[in-house]
Amino acid sequence: MPALLWDDHPQLSRPVLLAAFEGWNDAAEAASGAVDWLRHRWGGRRFAHLDPEEYFDFQAVRPQVVLVDGETRELRWPANECFAATVGGGKRDAVLLSGVEPSYRWREFCSDVVGMVHETGCEMVVTLGALLADVPHTRPLRITGTAVDADLARRLGLERSRYEGPTGIVGVLHDACRAAGIASVSLWVPVPHYVANPPNPVATLALLDAVGRLLDAPTDAEELRSAAESWRVEVDRAVADDDETSEYVADLERRYDDEIPESDLPSGDELAAQIEQFLREESPDDGD
């Protein structure tokens, strides 16, 4: 029985896959929160999902019992679901993959995702991730963009990934894309480790802004900007009440201000133009 189950086969216009996974790659749920935000704002419609029975240890990632309308009990399983949406502005479509890092059979899981990418005609795979880091909450969060493929990294003005060490499903998925000849980009946001509890609207907003630059499309994040400002005020207040934490944050600020970023994302206009040029060159159709 196939693990990728289709509800529908949507007809999409030059789609790009945006994916995030709860778990190891998702500090403060910033990455999964960004994809969920886009799914709601762009009106995502589910067209496929991956059978949780094939990929999860339910003792590690348990199904949840929830109340619907305060009365009916409903069982919800860990999920990886695919949604089709029209990107704000209508220039292209998006496939949004939202879910939980699987417990096992990662190569088969990524093979299913790559198969879905081919089936829907996605021109690029973009993953979102968030990691705990020694960064102050009082400074802008520096999004880093990397690509496994050296040529793609050069053409888009991104870093080529040089990380060595343990990886999550995001890293495995990018390796599967490389092997399948699919262009892929990874966007990461650092999350202050001393305020690691979700949600972190500032980190989610930083990823949404990066996606907006990448696709040259609005992400309708004004409501989230207000939440981010309120979050900063609350954290400022909590830090001010603790002398030791205040000193630590001040030290992080000094280190941040003295640091010259090696290679952040290019400017919005540059990145949007480079992405569009790359996709035009890769498209088999010389049309619009």
C-alpha atoms as a PDB file:
ATOM      1  CA  MET A   1       0.000   0.000   0.000  1.00  0.00           C
ATOM      2  CA  PRO A   2       1.486   3.402  -0.952  1.00  0.00           C
ATOM      3  CA  ALA A   3       2.334   5.756   1.910  1.00  0.00           C
ATOM      4  CA  LEU A   4       1.558   8.919  -0.071  1.00  0.00           C
ATOM      5  CA  LEU A   5      -2.222   9.130  -0.253  1.00  0.00           C
ATOM      6  CA  TRP A   6      -3.861  11.529  -2.727  1.00  0.00           C
ATOM      7  CA  ASP A   7      -7.179  13.279  -2.144  1.00  0.00           C
ATOM      8  CA  ASP A   8      -6.878  15.180  -5.410  1.00  0.00           C
ATOM      9  CA  HIS A   9      -4.369  15.985  -8.180  1.00  0.00           C
ATOM     10  CA  PRO A  10      -4.421  19.781  -8.432  1.00  0.00           C
ATOM     11  CA  GLN A  11      -3.408  21.627 -11.580  1.00  0.00           C
ATOM     12  CA  LEU A  12      -0.796  24.151 -10.453  1.00  0.00           C
ATOM     13  CA  SER A  13       1.013  27.043 -12.102  1.00  0.00           C
ATOM     14  CA  ARG A  14       4.804  26.983 -11.608  1.00  0.00           C
ATOM     15  CA  PRO A  15       4.568  25.848  -7.990  1.00  0.00           C
ATOM     16  CA  VAL A  16       7.300  26.024  -5.350  1.00  0.00           C
ATOM     17  CA  LEU A  17       7.281  23.650  -2.379  1.00  0.00           C
ATOM     18  CA  LEU A  18       7.525  25.249   1.072  1.00  0.00           C
ATOM     19  CA  ALA A  19       8.071  22.711   3.858  1.00  0.00           C
ATOM     20  CA  ALA A  20       8.607  22.698   7.620  1.00  0.00           C
ATOM     21  CA  PHE A  21       8.583  19.913  10.189  1.00  0.00           C
ATOM     22  CA  GLU A  22       7.852  20.019  13.887  1.00  0.00           C
ATOM     23  CA  GLY A  23      10.608  18.576  16.046  1.00  0.00           C
ATOM     24  CA  TRP A  24      14.392  18.843  15.882  1.00  0.00           C
ATOM     25  CA  ASN A  25      14.387  21.439  13.070  1.00  0.00           C
ATOM     26  CA  ASP A  26      11.738  23.670  14.651  1.00  0.00           C
ATOM     27  CA  ALA A  27      12.959  25.656  17.664  1.00  0.00           C
ATOM     28  CA  ALA A  28      10.073  27.521  19.334  1.00  0.00           C
ATOM     29  CA  GLU A  29       7.853  26.120  16.533  1.00  0.00           C
ATOM     30  CA  ALA A  30       8.938  29.094  14.422  1.00  0.00           C
ATOM     31  CA  ALA A  31       9.311  27.181  11.138  1.00  0.00           C
ATOM     32  CA  SER A  32       6.131  25.112  11.365  1.00  0.00           C
ATOM     33  CA  GLY A  33       4.333  28.257  12.499  1.00  0.00           C
ATOM     34  CA  ALA A  34       5.434  30.065   9.333  1.00  0.00           C
ATOM     35  CA  VAL A  35       4.090  27.353   7.014  1.00  0.00           C
ATOM     36  CA  ASP A  36       0.833  27.152   8.981  1.00  0.00           C
ATOM     37  CA  TRP A  37       0.508  30.935   8.709  1.00  0.00           C
ATOM     38  CA  LEU A  38       0.885  30.804   4.937  1.00  0.00           C
ATOM     39  CA  ARG A  39      -1.529  27.893   4.657  1.00  0.00           C
ATOM     40  CA  HIS A  40      -4.267  29.888   6.368  1.00  0.00           C
ATOM     41  CA  ARG A  41      -3.493  33.204   4.681  1.00  0.00           C
ATOM     42  CA  TRP A  42      -3.157  31.737   1.191  1.00  0.00           C
ATOM     43  CA  GLY A  43      -6.171  29.440   1.524  1.00  0.00           C
ATOM     44  CA  GLY A  44      -4.329  26.129   1.304  1.00  0.00           C
ATOM     45  CA  ARG A  45      -6.395  23.133   0.212  1.00  0.00           C
ATOM     46  CA  ARG A  46      -5.224  19.671   1.256  1.00  0.00           C
ATOM     47  CA  PHE A  47      -4.632  17.367  -1.691  1.00  0.00           C
ATOM     48  CA  ALA A  48      -2.432  14.620  -0.207  1.00  0.00           C
ATOM     49  CA  HIS A  49      -0.983  13.265   3.014  1.00  0.00           C
ATOM     50  CA  LEU A  50       1.555  10.697   4.133  1.00  0.00           C
ATOM     51  CA  ASP A  51       0.181   7.715   6.020  1.00  0.00           C
ATOM     52  CA  PRO A  52       1.345   8.166   9.649  1.00  0.00           C
ATOM     53  CA  GLU A  53       1.248   4.387  10.190  1.00  0.00           C
ATOM     54  CA  GLU A  54       4.278   4.063   7.922  1.00  0.00           C
ATOM     55  CA  TYR A  55       6.568   6.621   9.559  1.00  0.00           C
ATOM     56  CA  PHE A  56       5.805   7.191  13.239  1.00  0.00           C
ATOM     57  CA  ASP A  57       6.499   5.488  16.535  1.00  0.00           C
ATOM     58  CA  PHE A  58       3.258   6.341  18.285  1.00  0.00           C
ATOM     59  CA  GLN A  59       4.848   5.839  21.706  1.00  0.00           C
ATOM     60  CA  ALA A  60       7.246   8.691  20.861  1.00  0.00           C
ATOM     61  CA  VAL A  61       4.797  10.884  18.909  1.00  0.00           C
ATOM     62  CA  ARG A  62       1.403  10.056  20.309  1.00  0.00           C
ATOM     63  CA  PRO A  63      -1.971  10.735  18.726  1.00  0.00           C
ATOM     64  CA  GLN A  64      -4.005  13.399  20.506  1.00  0.00           C
ATOM     65  CA  VAL A  65      -7.583  13.247  21.785  1.00  0.00           C
ATOM     66  CA  VAL A  66      -9.338  16.602  21.335  1.00  0.00           C
ATOM     67  CA  LEU A  67     -12.816  17.919  21.990  1.00  0.00           C
ATOM     68  CA  VAL A  68     -14.752  19.320  19.045  1.00  0.00           C
ATOM     69  CA  ASP A  69     -17.381  21.929  19.982  1.00  0.00           C
ATOM     70  CA  GLY A  70     -16.732  21.044  23.613  1.00  0.00           C
ATOM     71  CA  GLU A  71     -18.466  17.688  23.291  1.00  0.00           C
ATOM     72  CA  THR A  72     -17.348  15.260  20.585  1.00  0.00           C
ATOM     73  CA  ARG A  73     -14.039  13.489  21.217  1.00  0.00           C
ATOM     74  CA  GLU A  74     -11.841  13.246  18.132  1.00  0.00           C
ATOM     75  CA  LEU A  75      -8.565  11.375  17.663  1.00  0.00           C
ATOM     76  CA  ARG A  76      -5.881  13.237  15.703  1.00  0.00           C
ATOM     77  CA  TRP A  77      -2.817  11.406  14.425  1.00  0.00           C
ATOM     78  CA  PRO A  78       0.635  12.847  13.734  1.00  0.00           C
ATOM     79  CA  ALA A  79       0.408  14.148  10.204  1.00  0.00           C
ATOM     80  CA  ASN A  80       2.385  15.265   7.185  1.00  0.00           C
ATOM     81  CA  GLU A  81      -0.049  16.955   4.836  1.00  0.00           C
ATOM     82  CA  CYS A  82       0.299  18.662   1.458  1.00  0.00           C
ATOM     83  CA  PHE A  83      -1.710  21.771   0.638  1.00  0.00           C
ATOM     84  CA  ALA A  84      -2.086  23.643  -2.643  1.00  0.00           C
ATOM     85  CA  ALA A  85      -2.350  27.432  -2.525  1.00  0.00           C
ATOM     86  CA  THR A  86      -2.087  30.446  -4.773  1.00  0.00           C
ATOM     87  CA  VAL A  87       0.760  32.705  -3.693  1.00  0.00           C
ATOM     88  CA  GLY A  88      -0.285  36.231  -2.805  1.00  0.00           C
ATOM     89  CA  GLY A  89      -0.314  38.318  -5.973  1.00  0.00           C
ATOM     90  CA  GLY A  90      -1.227  35.339  -8.140  1.00  0.00           C
ATOM     91  CA  LYS A  91       2.156  35.012  -9.901  1.00  0.00           C
ATOM     92  CA  ARG A  92       2.547  31.343  -9.072  1.00  0.00           C
ATOM     93  CA  ASP A  93       1.179  28.554  -6.894  1.00  0.00           C
ATOM     94  CA  ALA A  94       2.687  26.961  -3.823  1.00  0.00           C
ATOM     95  CA  VAL A  95       2.656  23.501  -2.320  1.00  0.00           C
ATOM     96  CA  LEU A  96       2.827  23.683   1.471  1.00  0.00           C
ATOM     97  CA  LEU A  97       4.105  20.600   3.295  1.00  0.00           C
ATOM     98  CA  SER A  98       3.275  20.817   6.986  1.00  0.00           C
ATOM     99  CA  GLY A  99       3.957  18.068   9.451  1.00  0.00           C
ATOM    100  CA  VAL A 100       6.067  16.285  12.039  1.00  0.00           C
ATOM    101  CA  GLU A 101       9.572  14.906  11.648  1.00  0.00           C
ATOM    102  CA  PRO A 102       9.081  11.140  11.112  1.00  0.00           C
ATOM    103  CA  SER A 103      10.344   8.582  13.594  1.00  0.00           C
ATOM    104  CA  TYR A 104      11.870   6.188  11.054  1.00  0.00           C
ATOM    105  CA  ARG A 105      12.203   5.183   7.365  1.00  0.00           C
ATOM    106  CA  TRP A 106      13.495   8.646   6.485  1.00  0.00           C
ATOM    107  CA  ARG A 107      14.775   7.660   3.045  1.00  0.00           C
ATOM    108  CA  GLU A 108      11.384   6.297   2.024  1.00  0.00           C
ATOM    109  CA  PHE A 109       9.691   9.352   3.498  1.00  0.00           C
ATOM    110  CA  CYS A 110      11.888  11.675   1.420  1.00  0.00           C
ATOM    111  CA  SER A 111      11.347   9.502  -1.641  1.00  0.00           C
ATOM    112  CA  ASP A 112       7.595  10.019  -1.189  1.00  0.00           C
ATOM    113  CA  VAL A 113       8.094  13.785  -0.911  1.00  0.00           C
ATOM    114  CA  VAL A 114      10.303  13.844  -4.022  1.00  0.00           C
ATOM    115  CA  GLY A 115       7.639  11.847  -5.861  1.00  0.00           C
ATOM    116  CA  MET A 116       5.021  14.403  -4.862  1.00  0.00           C
ATOM    117  CA  VAL A 117       7.330  17.212  -6.033  1.00  0.00           C
ATOM    118  CA  HIS A 118       7.633  15.575  -9.462  1.00  0.00           C
ATOM    119  CA  GLU A 119       3.903  14.841  -9.661  1.00  0.00           C
ATOM    120  CA  THR A 120       2.896  18.426  -8.896  1.00  0.00           C
ATOM    121  CA  GLY A 121       5.604  19.991 -11.066  1.00  0.00           C
ATOM    122  CA  CYS A 122       7.290  21.966  -8.286  1.00  0.00           C
ATOM    123  CA  GLU A 123      10.185  23.985  -9.667  1.00  0.00           C
ATOM    124  CA  MET A 124      12.024  24.322  -6.385  1.00  0.00           C
ATOM    125  CA  VAL A 125      11.944  22.993  -2.815  1.00  0.00           C
ATOM    126  CA  VAL A 126      12.311  25.531  -0.006  1.00  0.00           C
ATOM    127  CA  THR A 127      12.530  24.279   3.582  1.00  0.00           C
ATOM    128  CA  LEU A 128      12.193  26.411   6.698  1.00  0.00           C
ATOM    129  CA  GLY A 129      14.056  25.671   9.908  1.00  0.00           C
ATOM    130  CA  ALA A 130      14.718  27.215  13.304  1.00  0.00           C
ATOM    131  CA  LEU A 131      17.563  26.499  15.712  1.00  0.00           C
ATOM    132  CA  LEU A 132      18.429  27.597  19.246  1.00  0.00           C
ATOM    133  CA  ALA A 133      21.366  30.011  19.240  1.00  0.00           C
ATOM    134  CA  ASP A 134      23.323  32.516  21.315  1.00  0.00           C
ATOM    135  CA  VAL A 135      21.524  35.572  19.928  1.00  0.00           C
ATOM    136  CA  PRO A 136      19.836  38.458  21.773  1.00  0.00           C
ATOM    137  CA  HIS A 137      16.101  38.993  21.418  1.00  0.00           C
ATOM    138  CA  THR A 138      16.732  42.742  21.123  1.00  0.00           C
ATOM    139  CA  ARG A 139      18.399  42.558  17.706  1.00  0.00           C
ATOM    140  CA  PRO A 140      17.086  41.607  14.243  1.00  0.00           C
ATOM    141  CA  LEU A 141      17.287  37.874  13.608  1.00  0.00           C
ATOM    142  CA  ARG A 142      19.642  37.101  10.739  1.00  0.00           C
ATOM    143  CA  ILE A 143      18.114  34.597   8.354  1.00  0.00           C
ATOM    144  CA  THR A 144      20.676  32.400   6.640  1.00  0.00           C
ATOM    145  CA  GLY A 145      19.993  30.808   3.296  1.00  0.00           C
ATOM    146  CA  THR A 146      21.932  27.784   2.132  1.00  0.00           C
ATOM    147  CA  ALA A 147      21.901  25.365  -0.779  1.00  0.00           C
ATOM    148  CA  VAL A 148      23.492  21.930  -0.984  1.00  0.00           C
ATOM    149  CA  ASP A 149      24.290  22.360  -4.670  1.00  0.00           C
ATOM    150  CA  ALA A 150      27.319  24.613  -5.185  1.00  0.00           C
ATOM    151  CA  ASP A 151      26.133  25.984  -8.544  1.00  0.00           C
ATOM    152  CA  LEU A 152      22.677  26.838  -7.222  1.00  0.00           C
ATOM    153  CA  ALA A 153      24.189  28.537  -4.164  1.00  0.00           C
ATOM    154  CA  ARG A 154      26.415  30.637  -6.416  1.00  0.00           C
ATOM    155  CA  ARG A 155      23.606  31.592  -8.800  1.00  0.00           C
ATOM    156  CA  LEU A 156      21.249  32.631  -5.998  1.00  0.00           C
ATOM    157  CA  GLY A 157      23.889  34.376  -3.896  1.00  0.00           C
ATOM    158  CA  LEU A 158      23.427  31.964  -0.968  1.00  0.00           C
ATOM    159  CA  GLU A 159      25.893  30.047   1.141  1.00  0.00           C
ATOM    160  CA  ARG A 160      26.745  26.509   0.168  1.00  0.00           C
ATOM    161  CA  SER A 161      25.972  24.360   3.193  1.00  0.00           C
ATOM    162  CA  ARG A 162      29.211  23.344   4.942  1.00  0.00           C
ATOM    163  CA  TYR A 163      27.619  22.004   8.127  1.00  0.00           C
ATOM    164  CA  GLU A 164      29.008  18.745   9.503  1.00  0.00           C
ATOM    165  CA  GLY A 165      27.272  16.840  12.266  1.00  0.00           C
ATOM    166  CA  PRO A 166      23.860  15.420  13.158  1.00  0.00           C
ATOM    167  CA  THR A 167      21.005  16.444  10.901  1.00  0.00           C
ATOM    168  CA  GLY A 168      17.233  16.292  10.853  1.00  0.00           C
ATOM    169  CA  ILE A 169      14.709  15.394   8.204  1.00  0.00           C
ATOM    170  CA  VAL A 170      15.348  18.759   6.514  1.00  0.00           C
ATOM    171  CA  GLY A 171      18.960  17.807   5.790  1.00  0.00           C
ATOM    172  CA  VAL A 172      17.967  14.368   4.514  1.00  0.00           C
ATOM    173  CA  LEU A 173      15.279  15.867   2.275  1.00  0.00           C
ATOM    174  CA  HIS A 174      17.761  18.282   0.709  1.00  0.00           C
ATOM    175  CA  ASP A 175      20.151  15.419  -0.009  1.00  0.00           C
ATOM    176  CA  ALA A 176      17.285  13.516  -1.670  1.00  0.00           C
ATOM    177  CA  CYS A 177      16.480  16.597  -3.778  1.00  0.00           C
ATOM    178  CA  ARG A 178      20.119  16.905  -4.820  1.00  0.00           C
ATOM    179  CA  ALA A 179      20.184  13.247  -5.888  1.00  0.00           C
ATOM    180  CA  ALA A 180      16.945  13.739  -7.858  1.00  0.00           C
ATOM    181  CA  GLY A 181      18.208  16.908  -9.581  1.00  0.00           C
ATOM    182  CA  ILE A 182      15.667  19.150  -7.840  1.00  0.00           C
ATOM    183  CA  ALA A 183      16.742  22.690  -6.918  1.00  0.00           C
ATOM    184  CA  SER A 184      16.433  23.236  -3.172  1.00  0.00           C
ATOM    185  CA  VAL A 185      17.070  26.059  -0.728  1.00  0.00           C
ATOM    186  CA  SER A 186      17.070  25.995   3.073  1.00  0.00           C
ATOM    187  CA  LEU A 187      16.161  29.067   5.157  1.00  0.00           C
ATOM    188  CA  TRP A 188      17.072  29.083   8.857  1.00  0.00           C
ATOM    189  CA  VAL A 189      16.297  31.484  11.683  1.00  0.00           C
ATOM    190  CA  PRO A 190      18.200  31.559  15.007  1.00  0.00           C
ATOM    191  CA  VAL A 191      16.025  31.579  18.145  1.00  0.00           C
ATOM    192  CA  PRO A 192      17.345  33.039  21.444  1.00  0.00           C
ATOM    193  CA  HIS A 193      17.905  29.966  23.571  1.00  0.00           C
ATOM    194  CA  TYR A 194      16.900  31.721  26.810  1.00  0.00           C
ATOM    195  CA  VAL A 195      13.349  32.241  25.460  1.00  0.00           C
ATOM    196  CA  ALA A 196      12.925  28.906  23.720  1.00  0.00           C
ATOM    197  CA  ASN A 197       9.294  28.234  24.606  1.00  0.00           C
ATOM    198  CA  PRO A 198       6.831  28.588  21.736  1.00  0.00           C
ATOM    199  CA  PRO A 199       5.441  30.595  20.218  1.00  0.00           C
ATOM    200  CA  ASN A 200       8.102  33.024  19.023  1.00  0.00           C
ATOM    201  CA  PRO A 201       6.318  35.406  16.626  1.00  0.00           C
ATOM    202  CA  VAL A 202       9.533  37.349  15.980  1.00  0.00           C
ATOM    203  CA  ALA A 203      11.299  34.270  14.575  1.00  0.00           C
ATOM    204  CA  THR A 204       8.227  33.195  12.595  1.00  0.00           C
ATOM    205  CA  LEU A 205       7.925  36.699  11.161  1.00  0.00           C
ATOM    206  CA  ALA A 206      11.591  36.689  10.105  1.00  0.00           C
ATOM    207  CA  LEU A 207      11.040  33.483   8.122  1.00  0.00           C
ATOM    208  CA  LEU A 208       7.859  34.846   6.552  1.00  0.00           C
ATOM    209  CA  ASP A 209       9.682  37.977   5.446  1.00  0.00           C
ATOM    210  CA  ALA A 210      12.394  35.802   3.876  1.00  0.00           C
ATOM    211  CA  VAL A 211       9.770  33.737   2.037  1.00  0.00           C
ATOM    212  CA  GLY A 212       8.141  36.940   0.831  1.00  0.00           C
ATOM    213  CA  ARG A 213      11.465  38.106  -0.607  1.00  0.00           C
ATOM    214  CA  LEU A 214      12.170  34.706  -2.105  1.00  0.00           C
ATOM    215  CA  LEU A 215       8.836  34.504  -3.943  1.00  0.00           C
ATOM    216  CA  ASP A 216       8.384  38.250  -4.410  1.00  0.00           C
ATOM    217  CA  ALA A 217       4.951  37.895  -2.821  1.00  0.00           C
ATOM    218  CA  PRO A 218       3.082  39.308   0.197  1.00  0.00           C
ATOM    219  CA  THR A 219       2.720  37.020   3.219  1.00  0.00           C
ATOM    220  CA  ASP A 220      -0.040  39.054   4.919  1.00  0.00           C
ATOM    221  CA  ALA A 221       1.930  39.176   8.179  1.00  0.00           C
ATOM    222  CA  GLU A 222       0.793  42.524   9.607  1.00  0.00           C
ATOM    223  CA  GLU A 223      -1.178  40.845  12.378  1.00  0.00           C
ATOM    224  CA  LEU A 224       1.903  38.851  13.310  1.00  0.00           C
ATOM    225  CA  ARG A 225       4.009  42.036  13.458  1.00  0.00           C
ATOM    226  CA  SER A 226       1.764  43.300  16.242  1.00  0.00           C
ATOM    227  CA  ALA A 227       2.149  40.010  18.107  1.00  0.00           C
ATOM    228  CA  ALA A 228       5.925  40.183  17.653  1.00  0.00           C
ATOM    229  CA  GLU A 229       6.069  43.656  19.188  1.00  0.00           C
ATOM    230  CA  SER A 230       4.012  42.519  22.193  1.00  0.00           C
ATOM    231  CA  TRP A 231       6.312  39.507  22.585  1.00  0.00           C
ATOM    232  CA  ARG A 232       9.379  41.761  22.656  1.00  0.00           C
ATOM    233  CA  VAL A 233       7.821  43.961  25.334  1.00  0.00           C
ATOM    234  CA  GLU A 234       7.024  40.942  27.513  1.00  0.00           C
ATOM    235  CA  VAL A 235      10.518  39.494  27.163  1.00  0.00           C
ATOM    236  CA  ASP A 236      12.093  42.908  27.868  1.00  0.00           C
ATOM    237  CA  ARG A 237      10.103  43.078  31.087  1.00  0.00           C
ATOM    238  CA  ALA A 238      11.082  39.575  32.178  1.00  0.00           C
ATOM    239  CA  VAL A 239      14.776  40.182  31.429  1.00  0.00           C
ATOM    240  CA  ALA A 240      14.786  43.495  33.293  1.00  0.00           C
ATOM    241  CA  ASP A 241      13.510  41.733  36.424  1.00  0.00           C
ATOM    242  CA  ASP A 242      16.541  39.432  36.597  1.00  0.00           C
ATOM    243  CA  ASP A 243      19.999  41.000  36.962  1.00  0.00           C
ATOM    244  CA  GLU A 244      21.889  37.895  35.849  1.00  0.00           C
ATOM    245  CA  THR A 245      19.817  37.517  32.695  1.00  0.00           C
ATOM    246  CA  SER A 246      20.127  41.247  31.967  1.00  0.00           C
ATOM    247  CA  GLU A 247      23.916  41.012  32.092  1.00  0.00           C
ATOM    248  CA  TYR A 248      23.866  37.941  29.864  1.00  0.00           C
ATOM    249  CA  VAL A 249      21.660  39.635  27.254  1.00  0.00           C
ATOM    250  CA  ALA A 250      23.886  42.727  27.321  1.00  0.00           C
ATOM    251  CA  ASP A 251      26.890  40.489  26.599  1.00  0.00           C
ATOM    252  CA  LEU A 252      25.036  38.872  23.680  1.00  0.00           C
ATOM    253  CA  GLU A 253      24.217  42.337  22.334  1.00  0.00           C
ATOM    254  CA  ARG A 254      27.893  43.359  22.397  1.00  0.00           C
ATOM    255  CA  ARG A 255      28.910  40.191  20.590  1.00  0.00           C
ATOM    256  CA  TYR A 256      26.116  40.611  18.032  1.00  0.00           C
ATOM    257  CA  ASP A 257      27.046  44.257  17.343  1.00  0.00           C
ATOM    258  CA  ASP A 258      30.726  43.362  16.888  1.00  0.00           C
ATOM    259  CA  GLU A 259      29.993  40.489  14.518  1.00  0.00           C
ATOM    260  CA  ILE A 260      30.062  41.000  10.771  1.00  0.00           C
ATOM    261  CA  PRO A 261      27.606  38.580   9.173  1.00  0.00           C
ATOM    262  CA  GLU A 262      29.411  36.299   6.726  1.00  0.00           C
ATOM    263  CA  SER A 263      26.652  35.818   4.199  1.00  0.00           C
ATOM    264  CA  ASP A 264      23.075  36.685   5.011  1.00  0.00           C
ATOM    265  CA  LEU A 265      20.380  36.544   2.368  1.00  0.00           C
ATOM    266  CA  PRO A 266      20.852  38.924  -0.538  1.00  0.00           C
ATOM    267  CA  SER A 267      18.589  41.934  -0.710  1.00  0.00           C
ATOM    268  CA  GLY A 268      14.944  41.265  -1.463  1.00  0.00           C
ATOM    269  CA  ASP A 269      15.114  42.633  -5.008  1.00  0.00           C
ATOM    270  CA  GLU A 270      18.319  40.732  -5.798  1.00  0.00           C
ATOM    271  CA  LEU A 271      17.044  37.418  -4.466  1.00  0.00           C
ATOM    272  CA  ALA A 272      13.641  37.687  -6.143  1.00  0.00           C
ATOM    273  CA  ALA A 273      15.289  38.518  -9.476  1.00  0.00           C
ATOM    274  CA  GLN A 274      17.789  35.664  -9.150  1.00  0.00           C
ATOM    275  CA  ILE A 275      15.079  33.137  -8.257  1.00  0.00           C
ATOM    276  CA  GLU A 276      12.881  34.245 -11.147  1.00  0.00           C
ATOM    277  CA  GLN A 277      15.802  34.062 -13.588  1.00  0.00           C
ATOM    278  CA  PHE A 278      16.769  30.602 -12.350  1.00  0.00           C
ATOM    279  CA  LEU A 279      13.216  29.258 -12.648  1.00  0.00           C
ATOM    280  CA  ARG A 280      12.782  30.745 -16.123  1.00  0.00           C
ATOM    281  CA  GLU A 281      16.002  29.105 -17.281  1.00  0.00           C
ATOM    282  CA  GLU A 282      15.006  25.753 -15.782  1.00  0.00           C
ATOM    283  CA  SER A 283      11.438  25.805 -17.128  1.00  0.00           C
ATOM    284  CA  PRO A 284      10.805  23.717 -20.265  1.00  0.00           C
ATOM    285  CA  ASP A 285       8.373  26.398 -21.404  1.00  0.00           C
ATOM    286  CA  ASP A 286       9.777  29.643 -22.781  1.00  0.00           C
ATOM    287  CA  GLY A 287       6.501  31.434 -22.146  1.00  0.00           C
ATOM    288  CA  ASP A 288       5.576  33.922 -19.434  1.00  0.00           C
END
